[in-house]
């Protein structure tokens, strides 16, 4: 009876480990989508602001300095979006390395997001 009980415990530990790994990947993926989604939305809104500022500048309702300020805000939003994507990929890479998972799995996961 002892070896069978040990085998059962070992199988349960493997199952729990696999479930935790899947749960961790789900949480990382969810966090990644939330962070990237919000910075992407900010970037898109900033682009819309630049389009509106262009119209206003052509109509002479804003001066050039205001127009440049709006463009600078858009560049800052874009930079934040790209930095968030980079940081997310870096964090996921570190997680995969630390947990001993193959990086090919991460590459496949990132490929699905595109």
PDB file of N, CA and C in Angstrom:
ATOM      1  N   UNK A   1       0.820  -1.211   0.000  1.00  0.00           N
ATOM      2  CA  UNK A   1       0.000   0.000   0.000  1.00  0.00           C
ATOM      3  C   UNK A   1       0.863   1.274   0.000  1.00  0.00           C
ATOM      4  N   UNK A   2       2.030   1.237   0.578  1.00  0.00           N
ATOM      5  CA  UNK A   2       2.848   2.451   0.684  1.00  0.00           C
ATOM      6  C   UNK A   2       3.265   3.008  -0.681  1.00  0.00           C
ATOM      7  N   UNK A   3       3.808   2.201  -1.592  1.00  0.00           N
ATOM      8  CA  UNK A   3       4.198   2.746  -2.896  1.00  0.00           C
ATOM      9  C   UNK A   3       3.011   3.324  -3.666  1.00  0.00           C
ATOM     10  N   UNK A   4       1.836   2.695  -3.563  1.00  0.00           N
ATOM     11  CA  UNK A   4       0.660   3.226  -4.258  1.00  0.00           C
ATOM     12  C   UNK A   4       0.253   4.587  -3.706  1.00  0.00           C
ATOM     13  N   UNK A   5       0.322   4.723  -2.390  1.00  0.00           N
ATOM     14  CA  UNK A   5      -0.033   6.000  -1.757  1.00  0.00           C
ATOM     15  C   UNK A   5       0.978   7.084  -2.146  1.00  0.00           C
ATOM     16  N   UNK A   6       2.246   6.722  -2.182  1.00  0.00           N
ATOM     17  CA  UNK A   6       3.282   7.675  -2.601  1.00  0.00           C
ATOM     18  C   UNK A   6       3.061   8.108  -4.047  1.00  0.00           C
ATOM     19  N   UNK A   7       2.712   7.155  -4.900  1.00  0.00           N
ATOM     20  CA  UNK A   7       2.462   7.463  -6.312  1.00  0.00           C
ATOM     21  C   UNK A   7       1.265   8.402  -6.438  1.00  0.00           C
ATOM     22  N   UNK A   8       0.231   8.151  -5.638  1.00  0.00           N
ATOM     23  CA  UNK A   8      -0.955   9.010  -5.660  1.00  0.00           C
ATOM     24  C   UNK A   8      -0.598  10.429  -5.223  1.00  0.00           C
ATOM     25  N   UNK A   9       0.188  10.541  -4.157  1.00  0.00           N
ATOM     26  CA  UNK A   9       0.619  11.855  -3.666  1.00  0.00           C
ATOM     27  C   UNK A   9       1.463  12.562  -4.716  1.00  0.00           C
ATOM     28  N   UNK A  10       2.384  11.847  -5.330  1.00  0.00           N
ATOM     29  CA  UNK A  10       3.236  12.415  -6.366  1.00  0.00           C
ATOM     30  C   UNK A  10       2.406  12.893  -7.560  1.00  0.00           C
ATOM     31  N   UNK A  11       1.452  12.101  -7.977  1.00  0.00           N
ATOM     32  CA  UNK A  11       0.581  12.492  -9.098  1.00  0.00           C
ATOM     33  C   UNK A  11      -0.229  13.738  -8.746  1.00  0.00           C
ATOM     34  N   UNK A  12      -0.733  13.788  -7.510  1.00  0.00           N
ATOM     35  CA  UNK A  12      -1.485  14.966  -7.077  1.00  0.00           C
ATOM     36  C   UNK A  12      -0.605  16.207  -7.044  1.00  0.00           C
ATOM     37  N   UNK A  13       0.639  16.058  -6.614  1.00  0.00           N
ATOM     38  CA  UNK A  13       1.568  17.190  -6.576  1.00  0.00           C
ATOM     39  C   UNK A  13       1.850  17.696  -7.988  1.00  0.00           C
ATOM     40  N   UNK A  14       2.023  16.782  -8.920  1.00  0.00           N
ATOM     41  CA  UNK A  14       2.266  17.170 -10.314  1.00  0.00           C
ATOM     42  C   UNK A  14       1.042  17.890 -10.881  1.00  0.00           C
ATOM     43  N   UNK A  15      -0.137  17.369 -10.573  1.00  0.00           N
ATOM     44  CA  UNK A  15      -1.372  17.990 -11.035  1.00  0.00           C
ATOM     45  C   UNK A  15      -1.525  19.396 -10.456  1.00  0.00           C
ATOM     46  N   UNK A  16      -1.251  19.553  -9.180  1.00  0.00           N
ATOM     47  CA  UNK A  16      -1.343  20.863  -8.532  1.00  0.00           C
ATOM     48  C   UNK A  16      -0.326  21.816  -9.139  1.00  0.00           C
ATOM     49  N   UNK A  17       0.888  21.340  -9.351  1.00  0.00           N
ATOM     50  CA  UNK A  17       1.926  22.171  -9.949  1.00  0.00           C
ATOM     51  C   UNK A  17       1.520  22.635 -11.340  1.00  0.00           C
ATOM     52  N   UNK A  18       0.984  21.728 -12.134  1.00  0.00           N
ATOM     53  CA  UNK A  18       0.536  22.062 -13.486  1.00  0.00           C
ATOM     54  C   UNK A  18      -0.613  23.065 -13.448  1.00  0.00           C
ATOM     55  N   UNK A  19      -1.539  22.877 -12.519  1.00  0.00           N
ATOM     56  CA  UNK A  19      -2.675  23.792 -12.383  1.00  0.00           C
ATOM     57  C   UNK A  19      -2.198  25.178 -11.961  1.00  0.00           C
ATOM     58  N   UNK A  20      -1.264  25.248 -11.030  1.00  0.00           N
ATOM     59  CA  UNK A  20      -0.722  26.530 -10.582  1.00  0.00           C
ATOM     60  C   UNK A  20       0.000  27.233 -11.722  1.00  0.00           C
ATOM     61  N   UNK A  21       0.729  26.481 -12.528  1.00  0.00           N
ATOM     62  CA  UNK A  21       1.441  27.051 -13.664  1.00  0.00           C
ATOM     63  C   UNK A  21       0.440  27.643 -14.654  1.00  0.00           C
ATOM     64  N   UNK A  22      -0.624  26.914 -14.942  1.00  0.00           N
ATOM     65  CA  UNK A  22      -1.661  27.396 -15.854  1.00  0.00           C
ATOM     66  C   UNK A  22      -2.333  28.638 -15.278  1.00  0.00           C
ATOM     67  N   UNK A  23      -2.646  28.619 -13.987  1.00  0.00           N
ATOM     68  CA  UNK A  23      -3.271  29.764 -13.337  1.00  0.00           C
ATOM     69  C   UNK A  23      -2.343  30.973 -13.374  1.00  0.00           C
ATOM     70  N   UNK A  24      -1.069  30.761 -13.095  1.00  0.00           N
ATOM     71  CA  UNK A  24      -0.100  31.860 -13.128  1.00  0.00           C
ATOM     72  C   UNK A  24      -0.023  32.465 -14.519  1.00  0.00           C
ATOM     73  N   UNK A  25       0.009  31.616 -15.544  1.00  0.00           N
ATOM     74  CA  UNK A  25       0.064  32.121 -16.917  1.00  0.00           C
ATOM     75  C   UNK A  25      -1.200  32.897 -17.261  1.00  0.00           C
ATOM     76  N   UNK A  26      -2.341  32.425 -16.772  1.00  0.00           N
ATOM     77  CA  UNK A  26      -3.594  33.136 -17.010  1.00  0.00           C
ATOM     78  C   UNK A  26      -3.543  34.522 -16.373  1.00  0.00           C
ATOM     79  N   UNK A  27      -3.080  34.600 -15.139  1.00  0.00           N
ATOM     80  CA  UNK A  27      -3.009  35.885 -14.435  1.00  0.00           C
ATOM     81  C   UNK A  27      -2.029  36.827 -15.117  1.00  0.00           C
ATOM     82  N   UNK A  28      -0.889  36.315 -15.543  1.00  0.00           N
ATOM     83  CA  UNK A  28       0.085  37.158 -16.240  1.00  0.00           C
ATOM     84  C   UNK A  28      -0.517  37.653 -17.552  1.00  0.00           C
ATOM     85  N   UNK A  29      -1.138  36.763 -18.275  1.00  0.00           N
ATOM     86  CA  UNK A  29      -1.757  37.123 -19.553  1.00  0.00           C
ATOM     87  C   UNK A  29      -2.853  38.165 -19.346  1.00  0.00           C
ATOM     88  N   UNK A  30      -3.662  37.992 -18.317  1.00  0.00           N
ATOM     89  CA  UNK A  30      -4.734  38.945 -18.016  1.00  0.00           C
ATOM     90  C   UNK A  30      -4.146  40.307 -17.663  1.00  0.00           C
ATOM     91  N   UNK A  31      -3.148  40.317 -16.810  1.00  0.00           N
ATOM     92  CA  UNK A  31      -2.491  41.572 -16.438  1.00  0.00           C
ATOM     93  C   UNK A  31      -1.857  42.253 -17.631  1.00  0.00           C
ATOM     94  N   UNK A  32      -1.260  41.450 -18.498  1.00  0.00           N
ATOM     95  CA  UNK A  32      -0.634  41.982 -19.700  1.00  0.00           C
ATOM     96  C   UNK A  32      -1.681  42.666 -20.573  1.00  0.00           C
ATOM     97  N   UNK A  33      -2.819  42.002 -20.772  1.00  0.00           N
ATOM     98  CA  UNK A  33      -3.864  42.582 -21.620  1.00  0.00           C
ATOM     99  C   UNK A  33      -4.398  43.878 -21.026  1.00  0.00           C
ATOM    100  N   UNK A  34      -4.591  43.934 -19.713  1.00  0.00           N
ATOM    101  CA  UNK A  34      -5.123  45.133 -19.068  1.00  0.00           C
ATOM    102  C   UNK A  34      -4.166  46.305 -19.212  1.00  0.00           C
ATOM    103  N   UNK A  35      -2.899  46.083 -18.907  1.00  0.00           N
ATOM    104  CA  UNK A  35      -1.909  47.158 -18.994  1.00  0.00           C
ATOM    105  C   UNK A  35      -1.745  47.652 -20.412  1.00  0.00           C
ATOM    106  N   UNK A  36      -1.602  46.728 -21.328  1.00  0.00           N
ATOM    107  CA  UNK A  36      -1.393  47.111 -22.720  1.00  0.00           C
ATOM    108  C   UNK A  36      -2.643  47.770 -23.270  1.00  0.00           C
ATOM    109  N   UNK A  37      -3.792  47.258 -22.911  1.00  0.00           N
ATOM    110  CA  UNK A  37      -5.050  47.815 -23.399  1.00  0.00           C
ATOM    111  C   UNK A  37      -5.224  49.269 -22.974  1.00  0.00           C
ATOM    112  N   UNK A  38      -4.939  49.575 -21.717  1.00  0.00           N
ATOM    113  CA  UNK A  38      -5.131  50.947 -21.241  1.00  0.00           C
ATOM    114  C   UNK A  38      -4.124  51.911 -21.864  1.00  0.00           C
ATOM    115  N   UNK A  39      -2.882  51.495 -22.024  1.00  0.00           N
ATOM    116  CA  UNK A  39      -1.907  52.401 -22.648  1.00  0.00           C
ATOM    117  C   UNK A  39      -2.169  52.531 -24.148  1.00  0.00           C
ATOM    118  N   UNK A  40      -2.674  51.470 -24.767  1.00  0.00           N
ATOM    119  CA  UNK A  40      -3.021  51.554 -26.188  1.00  0.00           C
ATOM    120  C   UNK A  40      -4.198  52.512 -26.389  1.00  0.00           C
ATOM    121  N   UNK A  41      -5.163  52.445 -25.499  1.00  0.00           N
ATOM    122  CA  UNK A  41      -6.308  53.361 -25.572  1.00  0.00           C
ATOM    123  C   UNK A  41      -5.858  54.809 -25.398  1.00  0.00           C
ATOM    124  N   UNK A  42      -4.953  55.047 -24.456  1.00  0.00           N
ATOM    125  CA  UNK A  42      -4.427  56.399 -24.252  1.00  0.00           C
ATOM    126  C   UNK A  42      -3.700  56.885 -25.500  1.00  0.00           C
ATOM    127  N   UNK A  43      -2.948  56.004 -26.130  1.00  0.00           N
ATOM    128  CA  UNK A  43      -2.235  56.356 -27.348  1.00  0.00           C
ATOM    129  C   UNK A  43      -3.214  56.701 -28.472  1.00  0.00           C
ATOM    130  N   UNK A  44      -4.259  55.916 -28.607  1.00  0.00           N
ATOM    131  CA  UNK A  44      -5.272  56.189 -29.639  1.00  0.00           C
ATOM    132  C   UNK A  44      -5.996  57.512 -29.392  1.00  0.00           C
ATOM    133  N   UNK A  45      -6.325  57.771 -28.138  1.00  0.00           N
ATOM    134  CA  UNK A  45      -6.980  59.036 -27.803  1.00  0.00           C
ATOM    135  C   UNK A  45      -6.052  60.225 -28.070  1.00  0.00           C
ATOM    136  N   UNK A  46      -4.778  60.038 -27.794  1.00  0.00           N
ATOM    137  CA  UNK A  46      -3.815  61.105 -28.062  1.00  0.00           C
ATOM    138  C   UNK A  46      -3.719  61.376 -29.560  1.00  0.00           C
ATOM    139  N   UNK A  47      -3.783  60.320 -30.367  1.00  0.00           N
ATOM    140  CA  UNK A  47      -3.773  60.483 -31.828  1.00  0.00           C
ATOM    141  C   UNK A  47      -4.982  61.286 -32.299  1.00  0.00           C
ATOM    142  N   UNK A  48      -6.139  60.993 -31.717  1.00  0.00           N
ATOM    143  CA  UNK A  48      -7.344  61.745 -32.044  1.00  0.00           C
ATOM    144  C   UNK A  48      -7.196  63.214 -31.640  1.00  0.00           C
ATOM    145  N   UNK A  49      -6.547  63.448 -30.512  1.00  0.00           N
ATOM    146  CA  UNK A  49      -6.314  64.825 -30.059  1.00  0.00           C
ATOM    147  C   UNK A  49      -5.420  65.580 -31.040  1.00  0.00           C
ATOM    148  N   UNK A  50      -4.417  64.897 -31.576  1.00  0.00           N
ATOM    149  CA  UNK A  50      -3.529  65.533 -32.551  1.00  0.00           C
ATOM    150  C   UNK A  50      -4.315  65.892 -33.811  1.00  0.00           C
ATOM    151  N   UNK A  51      -5.183  64.994 -34.259  1.00  0.00           N
ATOM    152  CA  UNK A  51      -5.996  65.283 -35.445  1.00  0.00           C
ATOM    153  C   UNK A  51      -6.880  66.508 -35.207  1.00  0.00           C
ATOM    154  N   UNK A  52      -7.475  66.573 -34.029  1.00  0.00           N
ATOM    155  CA  UNK A  52      -8.313  67.727 -33.689  1.00  0.00           C
ATOM    156  C   UNK A  52      -7.465  68.997 -33.581  1.00  0.00           C
ATOM    157  N   UNK A  53      -6.290  68.892 -32.992  1.00  0.00           N
ATOM    158  CA  UNK A  53      -5.404  70.055 -32.866  1.00  0.00           C
ATOM    159  C   UNK A  53      -4.959  70.549 -34.244  1.00  0.00           C
ATOM    160  N   UNK A  54      -4.722  69.613 -35.169  1.00  0.00           N
ATOM    161  CA  UNK A  54      -4.366  70.011 -36.544  1.00  0.00           C
ATOM    162  C   UNK A  54      -5.470  70.845 -37.173  1.00  0.00           C
ATOM    163  N   UNK A  55      -6.700  70.374 -37.004  1.00  0.00           N
ATOM    164  CA  UNK A  55      -7.836  71.131 -37.552  1.00  0.00           C
ATOM    165  C   UNK A  55      -7.909  72.516 -36.918  1.00  0.00           C
ATOM    166  N   UNK A  56      -7.763  72.551 -35.596  1.00  0.00           N
ATOM    167  CA  UNK A  56      -7.832  73.835 -34.893  1.00  0.00           C
ATOM    168  C   UNK A  56      -6.691  74.762 -35.283  1.00  0.00           C
ATOM    169  N   UNK A  57      -5.527  74.203 -35.509  1.00  0.00           N
ATOM    170  CA  UNK A  57      -4.381  75.034 -35.920  1.00  0.00           C
ATOM    171  C   UNK A  57      -4.622  75.610 -37.312  1.00  0.00           C
ATOM    172  N   UNK A  58      -5.147  74.796 -38.220  1.00  0.00           N
ATOM    173  CA  UNK A  58      -5.452  75.273 -39.578  1.00  0.00           C
ATOM    174  C   UNK A  58      -6.515  76.377 -39.551  1.00  0.00           C
ATOM    175  N   UNK A  59      -7.437  76.252 -38.607  1.00  0.00           N
ATOM    176  CA  UNK A  59      -8.477  77.279 -38.474  1.00  0.00           C
ATOM    177  C   UNK A  59      -8.009  78.469 -37.634  1.00  0.00           C
ATOM    178  N   UNK A  60      -6.775  78.389 -37.165  1.00  0.00           N
ATOM    179  CA  UNK A  60      -6.152  79.447 -36.349  1.00  0.00           C
ATOM    180  C   UNK A  60      -6.876  79.668 -35.023  1.00  0.00           C
ATOM    181  N   UNK A  61      -7.464  78.602 -34.467  1.00  0.00           N
ATOM    182  CA  UNK A  61      -8.088  78.725 -33.142  1.00  0.00           C
ATOM    183  C   UNK A  61      -7.124  78.357 -32.015  1.00  0.00           C
ATOM    184  N   UNK A  62      -5.994  77.756 -32.379  1.00  0.00           N
ATOM    185  CA  UNK A  62      -4.917  77.516 -31.407  1.00  0.00           C
ATOM    186  C   UNK A  62      -3.604  77.952 -32.041  1.00  0.00           C
ATOM    187  N   UNK A  63      -2.650  78.293 -31.185  1.00  0.00           N
ATOM    188  CA  UNK A  63      -1.350  78.699 -31.735  1.00  0.00           C
ATOM    189  C   UNK A  63      -0.424  77.490 -31.887  1.00  0.00           C
ATOM    190  N   UNK A  64       0.733  77.719 -32.475  1.00  0.00           N
ATOM    191  CA  UNK A  64       1.658  76.639 -32.787  1.00  0.00           C
ATOM    192  C   UNK A  64       2.171  75.942 -31.532  1.00  0.00           C
ATOM    193  N   UNK A  65       2.379  76.694 -30.464  1.00  0.00           N
ATOM    194  CA  UNK A  65       2.882  76.108 -29.218  1.00  0.00           C
ATOM    195  C   UNK A  65       1.879  75.102 -28.635  1.00  0.00           C
ATOM    196  N   UNK A  66       0.607  75.413 -28.692  1.00  0.00           N
ATOM    197  CA  UNK A  66      -0.416  74.487 -28.208  1.00  0.00           C
ATOM    198  C   UNK A  66      -0.423  73.229 -29.077  1.00  0.00           C
ATOM    199  N   UNK A  67      -0.318  73.436 -30.391  1.00  0.00           N
ATOM    200  CA  UNK A  67      -0.278  72.302 -31.312  1.00  0.00           C
ATOM    201  C   UNK A  67       0.913  71.395 -31.005  1.00  0.00           C
ATOM    202  N   UNK A  68       2.085  71.976 -30.766  1.00  0.00           N
ATOM    203  CA  UNK A  68       3.266  71.182 -30.428  1.00  0.00           C
ATOM    204  C   UNK A  68       3.094  70.449 -29.099  1.00  0.00           C
ATOM    205  N   UNK A  69       2.446  71.079 -28.162  1.00  0.00           N
ATOM    206  CA  UNK A  69       2.196  70.448 -26.864  1.00  0.00           C
ATOM    207  C   UNK A  69       1.307  69.207 -27.023  1.00  0.00           C
ATOM    208  N   UNK A  70       0.297  69.309 -27.870  1.00  0.00           N
ATOM    209  CA  UNK A  70      -0.582  68.163 -28.120  1.00  0.00           C
ATOM    210  C   UNK A  70       0.203  67.039 -28.797  1.00  0.00           C
ATOM    211  N   UNK A  71       1.052  67.392 -29.756  1.00  0.00           N
ATOM    212  CA  UNK A  71       1.878  66.379 -30.418  1.00  0.00           C
ATOM    213  C   UNK A  71       2.833  65.711 -29.433  1.00  0.00           C
ATOM    214  N   UNK A  72       3.409  66.498 -28.538  1.00  0.00           N
ATOM    215  CA  UNK A  72       4.306  65.949 -27.528  1.00  0.00           C
ATOM    216  C   UNK A  72       3.565  64.969 -26.617  1.00  0.00           C
ATOM    217  N   UNK A  73       2.336  65.310 -26.276  1.00  0.00           N
ATOM    218  CA  UNK A  73       1.524  64.409 -25.444  1.00  0.00           C
ATOM    219  C   UNK A  73       1.270  63.089 -26.161  1.00  0.00           C
ATOM    220  N   UNK A  74       1.040  63.164 -27.453  1.00  0.00           N
ATOM    221  CA  UNK A  74       0.815  61.946 -28.218  1.00  0.00           C
ATOM    222  C   UNK A  74       2.071  61.082 -28.250  1.00  0.00           C
ATOM    223  N   UNK A  75       3.221  61.704 -28.437  1.00  0.00           N
ATOM    224  CA  UNK A  75       4.472  60.941 -28.438  1.00  0.00           C
ATOM    225  C   UNK A  75       4.724  60.291 -27.079  1.00  0.00           C
ATOM    226  N   UNK A  76       4.398  60.996 -26.020  1.00  0.00           N
ATOM    227  CA  UNK A  76       4.551  60.456 -24.668  1.00  0.00           C
ATOM    228  C   UNK A  76       3.623  59.249 -24.472  1.00  0.00           C
ATOM    229  N   UNK A  77       2.393  59.350 -24.955  1.00  0.00           N
ATOM    230  CA  UNK A  77       1.450  58.235 -24.840  1.00  0.00           C
ATOM    231  C   UNK A  77       1.928  57.028 -25.643  1.00  0.00           C
ATOM    232  N   UNK A  78       2.441  57.283 -26.849  1.00  0.00           N
ATOM    233  CA  UNK A  78       2.983  56.187 -27.666  1.00  0.00           C
ATOM    234  C   UNK A  78       4.170  55.528 -26.969  1.00  0.00           C
ATOM    235  N   UNK A  79       5.047  56.341 -26.422  1.00  0.00           N
ATOM    236  CA  UNK A  79       6.214  55.805 -25.722  1.00  0.00           C
ATOM    237  C   UNK A  79       5.784  54.953 -24.532  1.00  0.00           C
ATOM    238  N   UNK A  80       4.782  55.401 -23.807  1.00  0.00           N
ATOM    239  CA  UNK A  80       4.271  54.640 -22.665  1.00  0.00           C
ATOM    240  C   UNK A  80       3.707  53.299 -23.109  1.00  0.00           C
ATOM    241  N   UNK A  81       2.990  53.297 -24.222  1.00  0.00           N
ATOM    242  CA  UNK A  81       2.430  52.062 -24.763  1.00  0.00           C
ATOM    243  C   UNK A  81       3.535  51.073 -25.126  1.00  0.00           C
ATOM    244  N   UNK A  82       4.539  51.544 -25.858  1.00  0.00           N
ATOM    245  CA  UNK A  82       5.623  50.651 -26.269  1.00  0.00           C
ATOM    246  C   UNK A  82       6.439  50.167 -25.072  1.00  0.00           C
ATOM    247  N   UNK A  83       6.634  51.036 -24.077  1.00  0.00           N
ATOM    248  CA  UNK A  83       7.367  50.650 -22.876  1.00  0.00           C
ATOM    249  C   UNK A  83       6.595  49.591 -22.096  1.00  0.00           C
ATOM    250  N   UNK A  84       5.273  49.727 -22.043  1.00  0.00           N
ATOM    251  CA  UNK A  84       4.443  48.737 -21.356  1.00  0.00           C
ATOM    252  C   UNK A  84       4.519  47.384 -22.060  1.00  0.00           C
ATOM    253  N   UNK A  85       4.475  47.395 -23.387  1.00  0.00           N
ATOM    254  CA  UNK A  85       4.616  46.142 -24.132  1.00  0.00           C
ATOM    255  C   UNK A  85       5.968  45.489 -23.844  1.00  0.00           C
ATOM    256  N   UNK A  86       7.023  46.286 -23.877  1.00  0.00           N
ATOM    257  CA  UNK A  86       8.368  45.772 -23.613  1.00  0.00           C
ATOM    258  C   UNK A  86       8.466  45.189 -22.206  1.00  0.00           C
ATOM    259  N   UNK A  87       7.992  45.948 -21.213  1.00  0.00           N
ATOM    260  CA  UNK A  87       8.067  45.488 -19.815  1.00  0.00           C
ATOM    261  C   UNK A  87       7.272  44.207 -19.604  1.00  0.00           C
ATOM    262  N   UNK A  88       6.143  44.089 -20.278  1.00  0.00           N
ATOM    263  CA  UNK A  88       5.317  42.889 -20.159  1.00  0.00           C
ATOM    264  C   UNK A  88       6.040  41.674 -20.730  1.00  0.00           C
ATOM    265  N   UNK A  89       6.609  41.838 -21.902  1.00  0.00           N
ATOM    266  CA  UNK A  89       7.342  40.734 -22.524  1.00  0.00           C
ATOM    267  C   UNK A  89       8.550  40.349 -21.673  1.00  0.00           C
ATOM    268  N   UNK A  90       9.238  41.336 -21.129  1.00  0.00           N
ATOM    269  CA  UNK A  90      10.388  41.064 -20.264  1.00  0.00           C
ATOM    270  C   UNK A  90       9.963  40.313 -19.002  1.00  0.00           C
ATOM    271  N   UNK A  91       8.862  40.742 -18.391  1.00  0.00           N
ATOM    272  CA  UNK A  91       8.371  40.066 -17.175  1.00  0.00           C
ATOM    273  C   UNK A  91       7.958  38.632 -17.479  1.00  0.00           C
ATOM    274  N   UNK A  92       7.294  38.431 -18.598  1.00  0.00           N
ATOM    275  CA  UNK A  92       6.892  37.081 -18.962  1.00  0.00           C
ATOM    276  C   UNK A  92       8.104  36.203 -19.251  1.00  0.00           C
ATOM    277  N   UNK A  93       9.101  36.762 -19.901  1.00  0.00           N
ATOM    278  CA  UNK A  93      10.329  36.015 -20.177  1.00  0.00           C
ATOM    279  C   UNK A  93      10.997  35.592 -18.876  1.00  0.00           C
ATOM    280  N   UNK A  94      11.109  36.516 -17.940  1.00  0.00           N
ATOM    281  CA  UNK A  94      11.704  36.196 -16.641  1.00  0.00           C
ATOM    282  C   UNK A  94      10.903  35.129 -15.906  1.00  0.00           C
ATOM    283  N   UNK A  95       9.575  35.207 -16.002  1.00  0.00           N
ATOM    284  CA  UNK A  95       8.731  34.201 -15.364  1.00  0.00           C
ATOM    285  C   UNK A  95       8.973  32.824 -15.981  1.00  0.00           C
ATOM    286  N   UNK A  96       9.014  32.774 -17.307  1.00  0.00           N
ATOM    287  CA  UNK A  96       9.223  31.492 -17.979  1.00  0.00           C
ATOM    288  C   UNK A  96      10.579  30.903 -17.620  1.00  0.00           C
ATOM    289  N   UNK A  97      11.594  31.730 -17.572  1.00  0.00           N
ATOM    290  CA  UNK A  97      12.927  31.251 -17.219  1.00  0.00           C
ATOM    291  C   UNK A  97      12.940  30.744 -15.779  1.00  0.00           C
ATOM    292  N   UNK A  98      12.357  31.535 -14.865  1.00  0.00           N
ATOM    293  CA  UNK A  98      12.353  31.159 -13.444  1.00  0.00           C
ATOM    294  C   UNK A  98      11.553  29.885 -13.178  1.00  0.00           C
ATOM    295  N   UNK A  99      10.489  29.684 -13.941  1.00  0.00           N
ATOM    296  CA  UNK A  99       9.656  28.503 -13.707  1.00  0.00           C
ATOM    297  C   UNK A  99      10.102  27.302 -14.540  1.00  0.00           C
ATOM    298  N   UNK A 100      11.154  27.489 -15.326  1.00  0.00           N
ATOM    299  CA  UNK A 100      11.698  26.373 -16.094  1.00  0.00           C
ATOM    300  C   UNK A 100      10.883  25.983 -17.311  1.00  0.00           C
ATOM    301  N   UNK A 101      10.019  26.857 -17.734  1.00  0.00           N
ATOM    302  CA  UNK A 101       9.204  26.558 -18.913  1.00  0.00           C
ATOM    303  C   UNK A 101       9.992  26.877 -20.182  1.00  0.00           C
ATOM    304  N   UNK A 102       9.718  26.168 -21.255  1.00  0.00           N
ATOM    305  CA  UNK A 102      10.441  26.445 -22.494  1.00  0.00           C
ATOM    306  C   UNK A 102      10.017  27.795 -23.089  1.00  0.00           C
ATOM    307  N   UNK A 103      10.995  28.547 -23.567  1.00  0.00           N
ATOM    308  CA  UNK A 103      10.698  29.852 -24.134  1.00  0.00           C
ATOM    309  C   UNK A 103       9.920  29.742 -25.443  1.00  0.00           C
ATOM    310  N   UNK A 104       9.960  28.578 -26.074  1.00  0.00           N
ATOM    311  CA  UNK A 104       9.164  28.389 -27.292  1.00  0.00           C
ATOM    312  C   UNK A 104       7.670  28.524 -26.988  1.00  0.00           C
ATOM    313  N   UNK A 105       7.287  28.130 -25.785  1.00  0.00           N
ATOM    314  CA  UNK A 105       5.890  28.268 -25.351  1.00  0.00           C
ATOM    315  C   UNK A 105       5.514  29.757 -25.260  1.00  0.00           C
ATOM    316  N   UNK A 106       6.436  30.571 -24.751  1.00  0.00           N
ATOM    317  CA  UNK A 106       6.217  32.012 -24.665  1.00  0.00           C
ATOM    318  C   UNK A 106       6.139  32.618 -26.071  1.00  0.00           C
ATOM    319  N   UNK A 107       7.021  32.192 -26.939  1.00  0.00           N
ATOM    320  CA  UNK A 107       7.017  32.703 -28.306  1.00  0.00           C
ATOM    321  C   UNK A 107       5.684  32.405 -28.976  1.00  0.00           C
ATOM    322  N   UNK A 108       5.189  31.197 -28.775  1.00  0.00           N
ATOM    323  CA  UNK A 108       3.880  30.827 -29.338  1.00  0.00           C
ATOM    324  C   UNK A 108       2.777  31.696 -28.751  1.00  0.00           C
ATOM    325  N   UNK A 109       2.833  31.921 -27.431  1.00  0.00           N
ATOM    326  CA  UNK A 109       1.844  32.737 -26.762  1.00  0.00           C
ATOM    327  C   UNK A 109       1.850  34.170 -27.291  1.00  0.00           C
ATOM    328  N   UNK A 110       3.035  34.719 -27.454  1.00  0.00           N
ATOM    329  CA  UNK A 110       3.143  36.092 -27.963  1.00  0.00           C
ATOM    330  C   UNK A 110       2.712  36.167 -29.420  1.00  0.00           C
ATOM    331  N   UNK A 111       2.974  35.119 -30.179  1.00  0.00           N
ATOM    332  CA  UNK A 111       2.566  35.075 -31.580  1.00  0.00           C
ATOM    333  C   UNK A 111       1.050  35.083 -31.718  1.00  0.00           C
ATOM    334  N   UNK A 112       0.350  34.473 -30.761  1.00  0.00           N
ATOM    335  CA  UNK A 112      -1.113  34.446 -30.786  1.00  0.00           C
ATOM    336  C   UNK A 112      -1.703  35.832 -30.561  1.00  0.00           C
ATOM    337  N   UNK A 113      -0.986  36.691 -29.838  1.00  0.00           N
ATOM    338  CA  UNK A 113      -1.488  38.008 -29.490  1.00  0.00           C
ATOM    339  C   UNK A 113      -1.491  38.956 -30.681  1.00  0.00           C
ATOM    340  N   UNK A 114      -0.670  38.682 -31.668  1.00  0.00           N
ATOM    341  CA  UNK A 114      -0.543  39.599 -32.808  1.00  0.00           C
ATOM    342  C   UNK A 114      -1.684  39.516 -33.746  1.00  0.00           C
TER     343      UNK A 114
END
